[in-house]
Amino acid sequence: MISHFRFMFPNLEDGVDGQADYGRDVLTLDLPGGSLDFSLSHVRRVLDKPYHVDEPEGGWKREFTGAEKAKLRPIAETLAMLDGNAFFGTDLGNGREWYESYLPVAHAVYESNGGDGGWAGAASFARPHIPKPPRLSTDDALRIVRDADLSTGGTWSRVVDAAMSAGIGAKALAAELGAAAATVHRWREGHTAPGPSARQEIRLKLLALLREMAEREAQPRTEDCR
């Protein structure tokens, strides 16, 4: 008995045609680079996925820049291996490689972990491909931290982000505040915030740090005095 199928991938709108020959226990996929045969028993294991990724509300992302492909490739290849589909080097047509069929799911996984500005962006394979945001001036950071309404925890992430965007690193900030660097990152991402009284105390320390930075920046450099 032979049955025909169409397999749908997130970034292949037309899907991939295939036919299963149950007598020979073979599944043949008609890929742009040529037909490939797979064991049906293997495919059954593949369909019993060891992971599940929900489709994002806005749908799967389908177009990726070169930098995005490089950043997401380790996740995409890992997902392919978890699926038992590590057929790397296979051409999907139009110059696309096999791992690219997993890019939409890899992107969903990456974004669900905070994306570039969250924990995912701190991954060793992601950092080289994330453009650094423009540094916030010390004066602007001072203004944001000084004028922020701290009556609710909702503005706390903006306060911490302003201080860090001005050049205060998470480790330096954590050491000054007596907190863990992971806690500082959670504050910046808006996941947690200290209590009301602690927010006021920490703001005073942030303002002191930023004023010290402003004073250092205002001092003439040695070469400027020559």
N, C-alpha and C. Protein backbone atom coordinates (compact mmCIF):
# COMPACT_ATOMS: atom_id res chain seq x y z
N MET A 1 0.85 -1.19 0.00
CA MET A 1 0.00 0.00 0.00
C MET A 1 0.88 1.24 0.00
N ILE A 2 0.58 2.15 -0.89
CA ILE A 2 1.34 3.40 -0.98
C ILE A 2 0.38 4.57 -0.72
N SER A 3 0.76 5.48 0.17
CA SER A 3 -0.05 6.66 0.48
C SER A 3 0.76 7.92 0.21
N HIS A 4 0.08 8.93 -0.31
CA HIS A 4 0.73 10.20 -0.60
C HIS A 4 0.44 11.19 0.51
N PHE A 5 1.45 12.02 0.83
CA PHE A 5 1.33 12.99 1.90
C PHE A 5 1.88 14.32 1.43
N ARG A 6 1.51 15.37 2.16
CA ARG A 6 2.18 16.66 2.00
C ARG A 6 2.59 17.11 3.39
N PHE A 7 3.90 17.29 3.58
CA PHE A 7 4.44 17.69 4.87
C PHE A 7 4.61 19.20 4.88
N MET A 8 4.11 19.84 5.93
CA MET A 8 4.17 21.30 6.02
C MET A 8 5.23 21.71 7.03
N PHE A 9 6.09 22.65 6.60
CA PHE A 9 7.08 23.24 7.49
C PHE A 9 6.73 24.72 7.64
N PRO A 10 7.07 25.33 8.81
CA PRO A 10 6.70 26.73 9.05
C PRO A 10 7.15 27.70 7.97
N ASN A 11 8.34 27.47 7.36
CA ASN A 11 8.81 28.44 6.37
C ASN A 11 8.73 27.93 4.93
N LEU A 12 7.98 26.84 4.73
CA LEU A 12 7.75 26.34 3.37
C LEU A 12 6.25 26.36 3.12
N GLU A 13 5.78 27.44 2.50
CA GLU A 13 4.34 27.65 2.38
C GLU A 13 3.66 26.53 1.58
N ASP A 14 4.36 25.99 0.58
CA ASP A 14 3.74 24.96 -0.26
C ASP A 14 3.95 23.55 0.27
N GLY A 15 4.77 23.42 1.32
CA GLY A 15 5.01 22.11 1.90
C GLY A 15 5.90 21.25 1.02
N VAL A 16 6.10 20.00 1.44
CA VAL A 16 6.93 19.04 0.71
C VAL A 16 6.10 17.79 0.46
N ASP A 17 6.05 17.37 -0.80
CA ASP A 17 5.30 16.16 -1.14
C ASP A 17 6.10 14.92 -0.78
N GLY A 18 5.38 13.88 -0.40
CA GLY A 18 6.04 12.62 -0.08
C GLY A 18 5.09 11.46 -0.27
N GLN A 19 5.63 10.28 -0.35
CA GLN A 19 4.81 9.08 -0.47
C GLN A 19 5.39 7.98 0.42
N ALA A 20 4.49 7.28 1.09
CA ALA A 20 4.89 6.22 2.01
C ALA A 20 4.59 4.86 1.40
N ASP A 21 5.59 4.02 1.34
CA ASP A 21 5.43 2.65 0.89
C ASP A 21 5.52 1.76 2.13
N TYR A 22 4.33 1.37 2.65
CA TYR A 22 4.30 0.61 3.89
C TYR A 22 4.88 -0.79 3.72
N GLY A 23 4.80 -1.30 2.52
CA GLY A 23 5.35 -2.62 2.28
C GLY A 23 6.86 -2.66 2.44
N ARG A 24 7.52 -1.60 1.97
CA ARG A 24 8.99 -1.53 2.09
C ARG A 24 9.43 -0.72 3.31
N ASP A 25 8.45 -0.17 4.06
CA ASP A 25 8.76 0.66 5.23
C ASP A 25 9.63 1.85 4.84
N VAL A 26 9.23 2.51 3.73
CA VAL A 26 10.02 3.62 3.20
C VAL A 26 9.12 4.84 2.97
N LEU A 27 9.61 6.00 3.38
CA LEU A 27 8.95 7.27 3.06
C LEU A 27 9.88 8.04 2.14
N THR A 28 9.35 8.47 0.99
CA THR A 28 10.14 9.24 0.04
C THR A 28 9.64 10.68 0.00
N LEU A 29 10.55 11.63 0.27
CA LEU A 29 10.22 13.06 0.21
C LEU A 29 10.78 13.65 -1.07
N ASP A 30 9.96 14.45 -1.76
CA ASP A 30 10.37 15.08 -3.01
C ASP A 30 10.92 16.48 -2.70
N LEU A 31 12.19 16.54 -2.35
CA LEU A 31 12.82 17.82 -2.03
C LEU A 31 13.34 18.48 -3.29
N PRO A 32 13.48 19.82 -3.27
CA PRO A 32 13.97 20.52 -4.47
C PRO A 32 15.33 20.01 -4.93
N GLY A 33 16.16 19.57 -3.98
CA GLY A 33 17.49 19.09 -4.36
C GLY A 33 17.49 17.64 -4.80
N GLY A 34 16.34 16.98 -4.81
CA GLY A 34 16.25 15.58 -5.18
C GLY A 34 15.46 14.80 -4.15
N SER A 35 15.08 13.59 -4.48
CA SER A 35 14.28 12.77 -3.57
C SER A 35 15.17 12.13 -2.51
N LEU A 36 14.59 11.99 -1.31
CA LEU A 36 15.29 11.34 -0.21
C LEU A 36 14.38 10.28 0.40
N ASP A 37 14.94 9.12 0.71
CA ASP A 37 14.19 8.03 1.33
C ASP A 37 14.48 7.97 2.83
N PHE A 38 13.43 7.72 3.59
CA PHE A 38 13.55 7.60 5.03
C PHE A 38 12.84 6.33 5.48
N SER A 39 13.28 5.82 6.62
CA SER A 39 12.59 4.68 7.23
C SER A 39 11.28 5.17 7.85
N LEU A 40 10.18 4.52 7.53
CA LEU A 40 8.90 4.91 8.13
C LEU A 40 8.92 4.75 9.65
N SER A 41 9.61 3.74 10.13
CA SER A 41 9.70 3.54 11.57
C SER A 41 10.39 4.74 12.22
N HIS A 42 11.43 5.24 11.52
CA HIS A 42 12.13 6.42 12.01
C HIS A 42 11.21 7.63 12.00
N VAL A 43 10.45 7.78 10.93
CA VAL A 43 9.55 8.92 10.82
C VAL A 43 8.51 8.90 11.94
N ARG A 44 8.03 7.71 12.29
CA ARG A 44 7.05 7.62 13.38
C ARG A 44 7.66 8.13 14.68
N ARG A 45 8.94 7.84 14.89
CA ARG A 45 9.60 8.36 16.10
C ARG A 45 9.75 9.86 16.02
N VAL A 46 10.03 10.38 14.81
CA VAL A 46 10.18 11.81 14.62
C VAL A 46 8.88 12.55 14.93
N LEU A 47 7.76 11.96 14.47
CA LEU A 47 6.47 12.63 14.68
C LEU A 47 6.08 12.67 16.16
N ASP A 48 6.66 11.79 16.96
CA ASP A 48 6.44 11.84 18.41
C ASP A 48 7.48 12.77 18.99
N LYS A 49 7.28 14.06 18.76
CA LYS A 49 8.29 15.06 19.08
C LYS A 49 8.64 15.08 20.56
N PRO A 50 9.94 15.25 20.87
CA PRO A 50 10.34 15.36 22.27
C PRO A 50 10.18 16.77 22.82
N TYR A 51 9.63 17.68 22.02
CA TYR A 51 9.43 19.06 22.48
C TYR A 51 8.20 19.63 21.78
N HIS A 52 7.70 20.73 22.31
CA HIS A 52 6.56 21.39 21.68
C HIS A 52 6.78 22.89 21.75
N VAL A 53 6.61 23.56 20.63
CA VAL A 53 6.75 25.02 20.55
C VAL A 53 5.45 25.58 19.98
N ASP A 54 4.78 26.43 20.73
CA ASP A 54 3.53 27.03 20.26
C ASP A 54 3.80 28.07 19.17
N GLU A 55 2.90 28.14 18.22
CA GLU A 55 3.01 29.18 17.19
C GLU A 55 2.78 30.54 17.83
N PRO A 56 3.65 31.52 17.57
CA PRO A 56 3.48 32.86 18.15
C PRO A 56 2.16 33.49 17.70
N GLU A 57 1.67 34.44 18.48
CA GLU A 57 0.40 35.09 18.18
C GLU A 57 0.40 35.71 16.78
N GLY A 58 1.49 36.28 16.39
CA GLY A 58 1.57 36.92 15.07
C GLY A 58 1.92 35.96 13.95
N GLY A 59 2.00 34.67 14.26
CA GLY A 59 2.36 33.69 13.25
C GLY A 59 3.86 33.45 13.21
N TRP A 60 4.27 32.44 12.46
CA TRP A 60 5.69 32.11 12.35
C TRP A 60 6.42 33.17 11.54
N LYS A 61 7.59 33.54 11.98
CA LYS A 61 8.45 34.43 11.19
C LYS A 61 9.04 33.60 10.05
N ARG A 62 8.99 34.13 8.82
CA ARG A 62 9.40 33.35 7.66
C ARG A 62 10.64 33.91 6.94
N GLU A 63 10.92 35.18 7.12
CA GLU A 63 12.06 35.78 6.44
C GLU A 63 13.13 36.13 7.46
N PHE A 64 14.38 35.79 7.14
CA PHE A 64 15.48 36.00 8.07
C PHE A 64 16.68 36.61 7.36
N THR A 65 17.32 37.55 8.03
CA THR A 65 18.54 38.13 7.48
C THR A 65 19.69 37.17 7.73
N GLY A 66 20.82 37.47 7.10
CA GLY A 66 21.99 36.61 7.31
C GLY A 66 22.41 36.58 8.77
N ALA A 67 22.35 37.74 9.45
CA ALA A 67 22.73 37.79 10.86
C ALA A 67 21.77 36.98 11.72
N GLU A 68 20.48 37.03 11.38
CA GLU A 68 19.49 36.26 12.14
C GLU A 68 19.70 34.77 11.94
N LYS A 69 20.02 34.37 10.72
CA LYS A 69 20.28 32.94 10.46
C LYS A 69 21.48 32.46 11.27
N ALA A 70 22.53 33.27 11.30
CA ALA A 70 23.73 32.88 12.03
C ALA A 70 23.44 32.78 13.53
N LYS A 71 22.61 33.67 14.02
CA LYS A 71 22.29 33.69 15.47
C LYS A 71 21.41 32.51 15.85
N LEU A 72 20.45 32.17 14.99
CA LEU A 72 19.47 31.13 15.32
C LEU A 72 19.90 29.73 14.89
N ARG A 73 20.95 29.65 14.08
CA ARG A 73 21.33 28.34 13.53
C ARG A 73 21.60 27.29 14.61
N PRO A 74 22.32 27.60 15.71
CA PRO A 74 22.53 26.57 16.73
C PRO A 74 21.23 26.01 17.31
N ILE A 75 20.23 26.87 17.49
CA ILE A 75 18.94 26.39 18.01
C ILE A 75 18.26 25.53 16.95
N ALA A 76 18.25 26.02 15.70
CA ALA A 76 17.59 25.28 14.62
C ALA A 76 18.21 23.90 14.43
N GLU A 77 19.53 23.82 14.47
CA GLU A 77 20.19 22.53 14.28
C GLU A 77 19.93 21.60 15.46
N THR A 78 19.85 22.17 16.66
CA THR A 78 19.55 21.34 17.83
C THR A 78 18.14 20.78 17.74
N LEU A 79 17.19 21.60 17.31
CA LEU A 79 15.81 21.13 17.14
C LEU A 79 15.75 20.02 16.09
N ALA A 80 16.50 20.20 15.01
CA ALA A 80 16.52 19.17 13.96
C ALA A 80 17.07 17.86 14.51
N MET A 81 18.10 17.94 15.35
CA MET A 81 18.66 16.71 15.93
C MET A 81 17.70 16.07 16.92
N LEU A 82 16.98 16.90 17.70
CA LEU A 82 15.97 16.35 18.60
C LEU A 82 14.88 15.62 17.82
N ASP A 83 14.58 16.15 16.64
CA ASP A 83 13.58 15.53 15.77
C ASP A 83 14.10 14.27 15.06
N GLY A 84 15.41 14.10 15.08
CA GLY A 84 15.98 13.02 14.29
C GLY A 84 16.10 13.42 12.84
N ASN A 85 16.11 14.74 12.58
CA ASN A 85 16.16 15.25 11.21
C ASN A 85 17.45 16.02 10.94
N ALA A 86 18.55 15.52 11.41
CA ALA A 86 19.82 16.23 11.26
C ALA A 86 20.44 15.98 9.88
N PHE A 87 19.70 16.31 8.83
CA PHE A 87 20.19 16.09 7.47
C PHE A 87 20.88 17.36 6.96
N PHE A 88 21.87 17.81 7.73
CA PHE A 88 22.54 19.06 7.39
C PHE A 88 23.33 18.91 6.10
N GLY A 89 23.32 19.99 5.32
CA GLY A 89 23.96 19.96 4.01
C GLY A 89 22.98 19.69 2.89
N THR A 90 21.74 19.27 3.25
CA THR A 90 20.71 19.03 2.24
C THR A 90 20.18 20.35 1.71
N ASP A 91 20.09 20.46 0.40
CA ASP A 91 19.63 21.70 -0.25
C ASP A 91 18.11 21.71 -0.33
N LEU A 92 17.49 22.78 0.22
CA LEU A 92 16.03 22.92 0.13
C LEU A 92 15.61 23.72 -1.10
N GLY A 93 16.57 24.13 -1.90
CA GLY A 93 16.26 24.95 -3.07
C GLY A 93 16.49 26.41 -2.78
N ASN A 94 16.75 27.21 -3.82
CA ASN A 94 17.00 28.64 -3.70
C ASN A 94 18.16 28.93 -2.76
N GLY A 95 19.12 28.01 -2.71
CA GLY A 95 20.29 28.23 -1.87
C GLY A 95 20.08 28.02 -0.39
N ARG A 96 18.93 27.49 0.00
CA ARG A 96 18.64 27.28 1.42
C ARG A 96 19.10 25.91 1.87
N GLU A 97 19.59 25.86 3.12
CA GLU A 97 20.03 24.61 3.70
C GLU A 97 18.92 24.00 4.56
N TRP A 98 19.10 22.73 4.92
CA TRP A 98 18.07 22.00 5.66
C TRP A 98 17.73 22.65 6.99
N TYR A 99 18.75 23.14 7.71
CA TYR A 99 18.49 23.72 9.03
C TYR A 99 17.51 24.89 8.96
N GLU A 100 17.44 25.56 7.80
CA GLU A 100 16.59 26.74 7.67
C GLU A 100 15.11 26.41 7.80
N SER A 101 14.74 25.14 7.58
CA SER A 101 13.34 24.77 7.77
C SER A 101 12.94 24.85 9.24
N TYR A 102 13.94 24.90 10.13
CA TYR A 102 13.67 24.99 11.57
C TYR A 102 13.83 26.41 12.11
N LEU A 103 14.19 27.36 11.27
CA LEU A 103 14.40 28.72 11.74
C LEU A 103 13.16 29.35 12.37
N PRO A 104 11.95 29.18 11.79
CA PRO A 104 10.77 29.79 12.43
C PRO A 104 10.54 29.30 13.86
N VAL A 105 10.73 28.00 14.07
CA VAL A 105 10.55 27.46 15.42
C VAL A 105 11.69 27.92 16.32
N ALA A 106 12.91 27.95 15.78
CA ALA A 106 14.05 28.43 16.55
C ALA A 106 13.83 29.87 16.98
N HIS A 107 13.28 30.68 16.08
CA HIS A 107 13.00 32.08 16.39
C HIS A 107 11.97 32.18 17.51
N ALA A 108 10.95 31.34 17.48
CA ALA A 108 9.92 31.36 18.53
C ALA A 108 10.52 30.99 19.87
N VAL A 109 11.41 29.99 19.87
CA VAL A 109 12.09 29.60 21.11
C VAL A 109 12.95 30.74 21.64
N TYR A 110 13.69 31.39 20.74
CA TYR A 110 14.59 32.48 21.12
C TYR A 110 13.80 33.65 21.71
N GLU A 111 12.73 34.03 21.05
CA GLU A 111 11.94 35.18 21.52
C GLU A 111 11.21 34.86 22.82
N SER A 112 10.80 33.61 23.01
CA SER A 112 10.10 33.25 24.24
C SER A 112 11.04 33.28 25.44
N ASN A 113 12.33 33.35 25.17
CA ASN A 113 13.32 33.46 26.25
C ASN A 113 13.91 34.87 26.33
N GLY A 114 13.16 35.85 25.84
CA GLY A 114 13.56 37.24 26.00
C GLY A 114 14.18 37.89 24.79
N GLY A 115 14.55 37.10 23.77
CA GLY A 115 15.13 37.69 22.57
C GLY A 115 16.46 38.37 22.84
N ASP A 116 16.80 39.32 21.98
CA ASP A 116 18.10 40.01 22.08
C ASP A 116 18.29 40.70 23.42
N GLY A 117 17.21 41.26 23.96
CA GLY A 117 17.35 42.03 25.20
C GLY A 117 17.17 41.21 26.45
N GLY A 118 16.95 39.90 26.32
CA GLY A 118 16.72 39.06 27.49
C GLY A 118 17.81 38.03 27.68
N TRP A 119 17.44 36.95 28.37
CA TRP A 119 18.42 35.90 28.65
C TRP A 119 18.93 35.26 27.37
N ALA A 120 18.07 35.12 26.37
CA ALA A 120 18.51 34.49 25.12
C ALA A 120 19.64 35.29 24.48
N GLY A 121 19.55 36.60 24.56
CA GLY A 121 20.58 37.45 23.98
C GLY A 121 21.92 37.36 24.68
N ALA A 122 21.93 36.79 25.89
CA ALA A 122 23.19 36.62 26.63
C ALA A 122 23.87 35.30 26.30
N ALA A 123 23.23 34.47 25.47
CA ALA A 123 23.83 33.19 25.10
C ALA A 123 25.11 33.43 24.30
N SER A 124 26.11 32.58 24.49
CA SER A 124 27.41 32.79 23.85
C SER A 124 27.31 32.81 22.34
N PHE A 125 26.40 31.99 21.76
CA PHE A 125 26.29 31.95 20.30
C PHE A 125 25.51 33.13 19.75
N ALA A 126 24.75 33.82 20.60
CA ALA A 126 23.92 34.93 20.13
C ALA A 126 24.65 36.27 20.21
N ARG A 127 25.46 36.46 21.24
CA ARG A 127 26.08 37.76 21.48
C ARG A 127 26.83 38.34 20.28
N PRO A 128 27.62 37.55 19.54
CA PRO A 128 28.36 38.16 18.42
C PRO A 128 27.47 38.71 17.31
N HIS A 129 26.20 38.30 17.28
CA HIS A 129 25.32 38.69 16.18
C HIS A 129 24.28 39.75 16.58
N ILE A 130 24.39 40.26 17.80
CA ILE A 130 23.44 41.27 18.28
C ILE A 130 24.09 42.64 18.22
N PRO A 131 23.54 43.55 17.43
CA PRO A 131 24.13 44.90 17.38
C PRO A 131 23.99 45.60 18.72
N LYS A 132 25.05 46.26 19.13
CA LYS A 132 25.00 46.97 20.40
C LYS A 132 24.14 48.23 20.27
N PRO A 133 23.21 48.44 21.21
CA PRO A 133 22.37 49.64 21.15
C PRO A 133 23.21 50.89 21.42
N PRO A 134 22.81 52.02 20.86
CA PRO A 134 23.57 53.25 21.13
C PRO A 134 23.58 53.57 22.62
N ARG A 135 24.71 54.01 23.12
CA ARG A 135 24.84 54.31 24.54
C ARG A 135 24.04 55.54 24.90
N LEU A 136 23.35 55.47 26.02
CA LEU A 136 22.58 56.59 26.53
C LEU A 136 23.54 57.56 27.21
N SER A 137 23.39 58.84 26.97
CA SER A 137 24.28 59.82 27.61
C SER A 137 24.06 59.79 29.12
N THR A 138 25.10 60.11 29.85
CA THR A 138 25.00 60.13 31.31
C THR A 138 23.95 61.13 31.77
N ASP A 139 23.89 62.28 31.11
CA ASP A 139 22.91 63.30 31.49
C ASP A 139 21.49 62.79 31.29
N ASP A 140 21.23 62.10 30.18
CA ASP A 140 19.89 61.56 29.93
C ASP A 140 19.56 60.48 30.95
N ALA A 141 20.55 59.64 31.28
CA ALA A 141 20.32 58.60 32.28
C ALA A 141 20.01 59.21 33.63
N LEU A 142 20.74 60.24 34.00
CA LEU A 142 20.48 60.94 35.27
C LEU A 142 19.06 61.47 35.32
N ARG A 143 18.63 62.06 34.22
CA ARG A 143 17.28 62.63 34.17
C ARG A 143 16.23 61.55 34.33
N ILE A 144 16.40 60.42 33.62
CA ILE A 144 15.42 59.34 33.69
C ILE A 144 15.34 58.76 35.10
N VAL A 145 16.50 58.49 35.69
CA VAL A 145 16.52 57.90 37.03
C VAL A 145 15.97 58.88 38.06
N ARG A 146 16.32 60.13 37.93
CA ARG A 146 15.88 61.15 38.90
C ARG A 146 14.38 61.39 38.83
N ASP A 147 13.82 61.42 37.62
CA ASP A 147 12.42 61.82 37.46
C ASP A 147 11.44 60.65 37.43
N ALA A 148 11.92 59.42 37.47
CA ALA A 148 11.03 58.26 37.37
C ALA A 148 10.06 58.20 38.55
N ASP A 149 8.83 57.85 38.25
CA ASP A 149 7.80 57.66 39.28
C ASP A 149 7.95 56.25 39.83
N LEU A 150 8.41 56.13 41.06
CA LEU A 150 8.68 54.82 41.65
C LEU A 150 7.53 54.33 42.54
N SER A 151 6.37 54.95 42.40
CA SER A 151 5.23 54.54 43.23
C SER A 151 4.76 53.13 42.86
N THR A 152 5.07 52.69 41.64
CA THR A 152 4.75 51.33 41.22
C THR A 152 6.00 50.68 40.67
N GLY A 153 6.04 49.36 40.67
CA GLY A 153 7.21 48.65 40.17
C GLY A 153 7.34 48.67 38.67
N GLY A 154 6.31 49.14 37.97
CA GLY A 154 6.31 49.09 36.52
C GLY A 154 7.38 49.94 35.87
N THR A 155 7.82 51.01 36.53
CA THR A 155 8.83 51.89 35.94
C THR A 155 10.24 51.48 36.33
N TRP A 156 10.37 50.49 37.20
CA TRP A 156 11.69 50.13 37.70
C TRP A 156 12.61 49.61 36.60
N SER A 157 12.08 48.85 35.69
CA SER A 157 12.92 48.33 34.61
C SER A 157 13.52 49.47 33.79
N ARG A 158 12.77 50.54 33.58
CA ARG A 158 13.28 51.69 32.83
C ARG A 158 14.41 52.38 33.59
N VAL A 159 14.29 52.45 34.90
CA VAL A 159 15.33 53.06 35.73
C VAL A 159 16.64 52.26 35.61
N VAL A 160 16.54 50.95 35.78
CA VAL A 160 17.74 50.11 35.71
C VAL A 160 18.30 50.11 34.29
N ASP A 161 17.43 50.06 33.29
CA ASP A 161 17.89 50.08 31.90
C ASP A 161 18.63 51.36 31.58
N ALA A 162 18.15 52.49 32.11
CA ALA A 162 18.81 53.78 31.85
C ALA A 162 20.22 53.77 32.43
N ALA A 163 20.37 53.27 33.65
CA ALA A 163 21.69 53.24 34.28
C ALA A 163 22.64 52.33 33.51
N MET A 164 22.14 51.17 33.08
CA MET A 164 23.00 50.23 32.36
C MET A 164 23.30 50.71 30.95
N SER A 165 22.34 51.37 30.33
CA SER A 165 22.54 51.89 28.97
C SER A 165 23.56 53.03 28.96
N ALA A 166 23.76 53.65 30.11
CA ALA A 166 24.75 54.72 30.21
C ALA A 166 26.15 54.16 30.40
N GLY A 167 26.25 52.86 30.65
CA GLY A 167 27.56 52.24 30.73
C GLY A 167 27.89 51.52 32.03
N ILE A 168 26.94 51.44 32.95
CA ILE A 168 27.18 50.71 34.19
C ILE A 168 26.84 49.24 33.95
N GLY A 169 27.82 48.38 34.06
CA GLY A 169 27.61 46.96 33.81
C GLY A 169 26.82 46.28 34.91
N ALA A 170 26.21 45.16 34.56
CA ALA A 170 25.38 44.43 35.53
C ALA A 170 26.20 43.98 36.74
N LYS A 171 27.43 43.51 36.51
CA LYS A 171 28.25 43.05 37.63
C LYS A 171 28.64 44.20 38.54
N ALA A 172 29.03 45.34 37.95
CA ALA A 172 29.41 46.50 38.74
C ALA A 172 28.21 47.01 39.53
N LEU A 173 27.05 47.00 38.87
CA LEU A 173 25.84 47.47 39.53
C LEU A 173 25.45 46.53 40.67
N ALA A 174 25.58 45.24 40.42
CA ALA A 174 25.24 44.25 41.44
C ALA A 174 26.15 44.39 42.65
N ALA A 175 27.45 44.60 42.40
CA ALA A 175 28.40 44.75 43.51
C ALA A 175 28.09 45.98 44.33
N GLU A 176 27.72 47.06 43.67
CA GLU A 176 27.41 48.31 44.38
C GLU A 176 26.14 48.18 45.20
N LEU A 177 25.18 47.42 44.70
CA LEU A 177 23.87 47.32 45.35
C LEU A 177 23.77 46.12 46.29
N GLY A 178 24.80 45.26 46.28
CA GLY A 178 24.75 44.08 47.12
C GLY A 178 23.73 43.06 46.64
N ALA A 179 23.54 43.00 45.32
CA ALA A 179 22.58 42.05 44.72
C ALA A 179 23.32 41.15 43.74
N ALA A 180 22.65 40.12 43.29
CA ALA A 180 23.22 39.23 42.29
C ALA A 180 23.04 39.84 40.90
N ALA A 181 23.99 39.56 40.00
CA ALA A 181 23.88 40.08 38.64
C ALA A 181 22.60 39.57 37.98
N ALA A 182 22.20 38.33 38.29
CA ALA A 182 20.96 37.79 37.72
C ALA A 182 19.75 38.61 38.18
N THR A 183 19.79 39.09 39.42
CA THR A 183 18.69 39.93 39.92
C THR A 183 18.62 41.24 39.15
N VAL A 184 19.79 41.82 38.88
CA VAL A 184 19.84 43.08 38.13
C VAL A 184 19.25 42.87 36.74
N HIS A 185 19.58 41.75 36.09
CA HIS A 185 19.03 41.46 34.76
C HIS A 185 17.50 41.30 34.83
N ARG A 186 17.02 40.64 35.87
CA ARG A 186 15.56 40.48 36.00
C ARG A 186 14.88 41.81 36.20
N TRP A 187 15.52 42.72 36.96
CA TRP A 187 14.95 44.06 37.13
C TRP A 187 14.86 44.75 35.77
N ARG A 188 15.95 44.67 35.02
CA ARG A 188 16.00 45.37 33.73
C ARG A 188 14.95 44.85 32.77
N GLU A 189 14.70 43.54 32.82
CA GLU A 189 13.72 42.93 31.93
C GLU A 189 12.29 43.09 32.43
N GLY A 190 12.11 43.65 33.62
CA GLY A 190 10.77 43.87 34.16
C GLY A 190 10.14 42.65 34.78
N HIS A 191 10.93 41.59 35.03
CA HIS A 191 10.38 40.38 35.62
C HIS A 191 10.13 40.54 37.12
N THR A 192 11.01 41.28 37.78
CA THR A 192 10.87 41.52 39.21
C THR A 192 11.25 42.96 39.52
N ALA A 193 10.96 43.39 40.73
CA ALA A 193 11.34 44.74 41.19
C ALA A 193 11.43 44.69 42.71
N PRO A 194 12.35 45.46 43.28
CA PRO A 194 12.43 45.50 44.74
C PRO A 194 11.23 46.22 45.33
N GLY A 195 11.09 46.16 46.64
CA GLY A 195 9.97 46.83 47.30
C GLY A 195 10.07 48.34 47.21
N PRO A 196 9.00 49.05 47.53
CA PRO A 196 8.96 50.52 47.41
C PRO A 196 10.09 51.24 48.13
N SER A 197 10.35 50.89 49.38
CA SER A 197 11.41 51.58 50.12
C SER A 197 12.78 51.27 49.53
N ALA A 198 12.97 50.02 49.12
CA ALA A 198 14.25 49.63 48.52
C ALA A 198 14.46 50.35 47.20
N ARG A 199 13.40 50.57 46.42
CA ARG A 199 13.53 51.28 45.15
C ARG A 199 14.06 52.69 45.38
N GLN A 200 13.57 53.35 46.41
CA GLN A 200 14.02 54.71 46.70
C GLN A 200 15.50 54.72 47.10
N GLU A 201 15.90 53.76 47.92
CA GLU A 201 17.30 53.68 48.35
C GLU A 201 18.22 53.38 47.18
N ILE A 202 17.80 52.45 46.34
CA ILE A 202 18.63 52.08 45.20
C ILE A 202 18.73 53.23 44.21
N ARG A 203 17.64 53.99 44.04
CA ARG A 203 17.70 55.14 43.13
C ARG A 203 18.79 56.11 43.59
N LEU A 204 18.90 56.35 44.88
CA LEU A 204 19.93 57.27 45.39
C LEU A 204 21.32 56.76 45.04
N LYS A 205 21.51 55.44 45.14
CA LYS A 205 22.82 54.87 44.79
C LYS A 205 23.08 54.99 43.29
N LEU A 206 22.05 54.77 42.48
CA LEU A 206 22.21 54.91 41.03
C LEU A 206 22.55 56.34 40.66
N LEU A 207 21.88 57.29 41.27
CA LEU A 207 22.17 58.69 40.99
C LEU A 207 23.60 59.04 41.37
N ALA A 208 24.07 58.50 42.50
CA ALA A 208 25.45 58.76 42.92
C ALA A 208 26.43 58.19 41.90
N LEU A 209 26.17 56.97 41.44
CA LEU A 209 27.05 56.36 40.44
C LEU A 209 27.07 57.16 39.15
N LEU A 210 25.91 57.59 38.71
CA LEU A 210 25.83 58.35 37.46
C LEU A 210 26.49 59.72 37.59
N ARG A 211 26.38 60.34 38.76
CA ARG A 211 27.05 61.65 38.96
C ARG A 211 28.55 61.49 38.96
N GLU A 212 29.03 60.37 39.52
CA GLU A 212 30.47 60.10 39.48
C GLU A 212 30.92 59.94 38.03
N MET A 213 30.11 59.23 37.23
CA MET A 213 30.45 59.06 35.82
C MET A 213 30.48 60.41 35.11
N ALA A 214 29.49 61.25 35.40
CA ALA A 214 29.41 62.57 34.76
C ALA A 214 30.63 63.42 35.13
N GLU A 215 31.08 63.33 36.38
CA GLU A 215 32.25 64.10 36.81
C GLU A 215 33.52 63.61 36.10
N ARG A 216 33.63 62.28 35.97
CA ARG A 216 34.81 61.74 35.27
C ARG A 216 34.81 62.16 33.81
N GLU A 217 33.63 62.13 33.20
CA GLU A 217 33.54 62.51 31.79
C GLU A 217 33.84 63.99 31.59
N ALA A 218 33.55 64.80 32.61
CA ALA A 218 33.77 66.24 32.50
C ALA A 218 35.22 66.62 32.69
N GLN A 219 36.02 65.74 33.31
CA GLN A 219 37.44 66.03 33.54
C GLN A 219 38.20 65.99 32.23
N PRO A 220 39.05 66.99 31.98
CA PRO A 220 39.82 67.00 30.73
C PRO A 220 40.80 65.85 30.71
N ARG A 221 40.94 65.21 29.54
CA ARG A 221 41.90 64.15 29.38
C ARG A 221 43.30 64.73 29.32
N THR A 222 44.30 63.92 29.65
CA THR A 222 45.69 64.39 29.70
C THR A 222 46.11 64.97 28.35
N GLU A 223 45.74 64.28 27.27
CA GLU A 223 46.16 64.77 25.96
C GLU A 223 45.49 66.09 25.59
N ASP A 224 44.29 66.36 26.21
CA ASP A 224 43.62 67.61 25.92
C ASP A 224 44.32 68.80 26.58
N CYS A 225 45.14 68.50 27.61
CA CYS A 225 45.77 69.57 28.34
C CYS A 225 47.12 69.95 27.75
N ARG A 226 47.55 69.17 26.76
CA ARG A 226 48.88 69.45 26.20
C ARG A 226 48.81 70.60 25.19
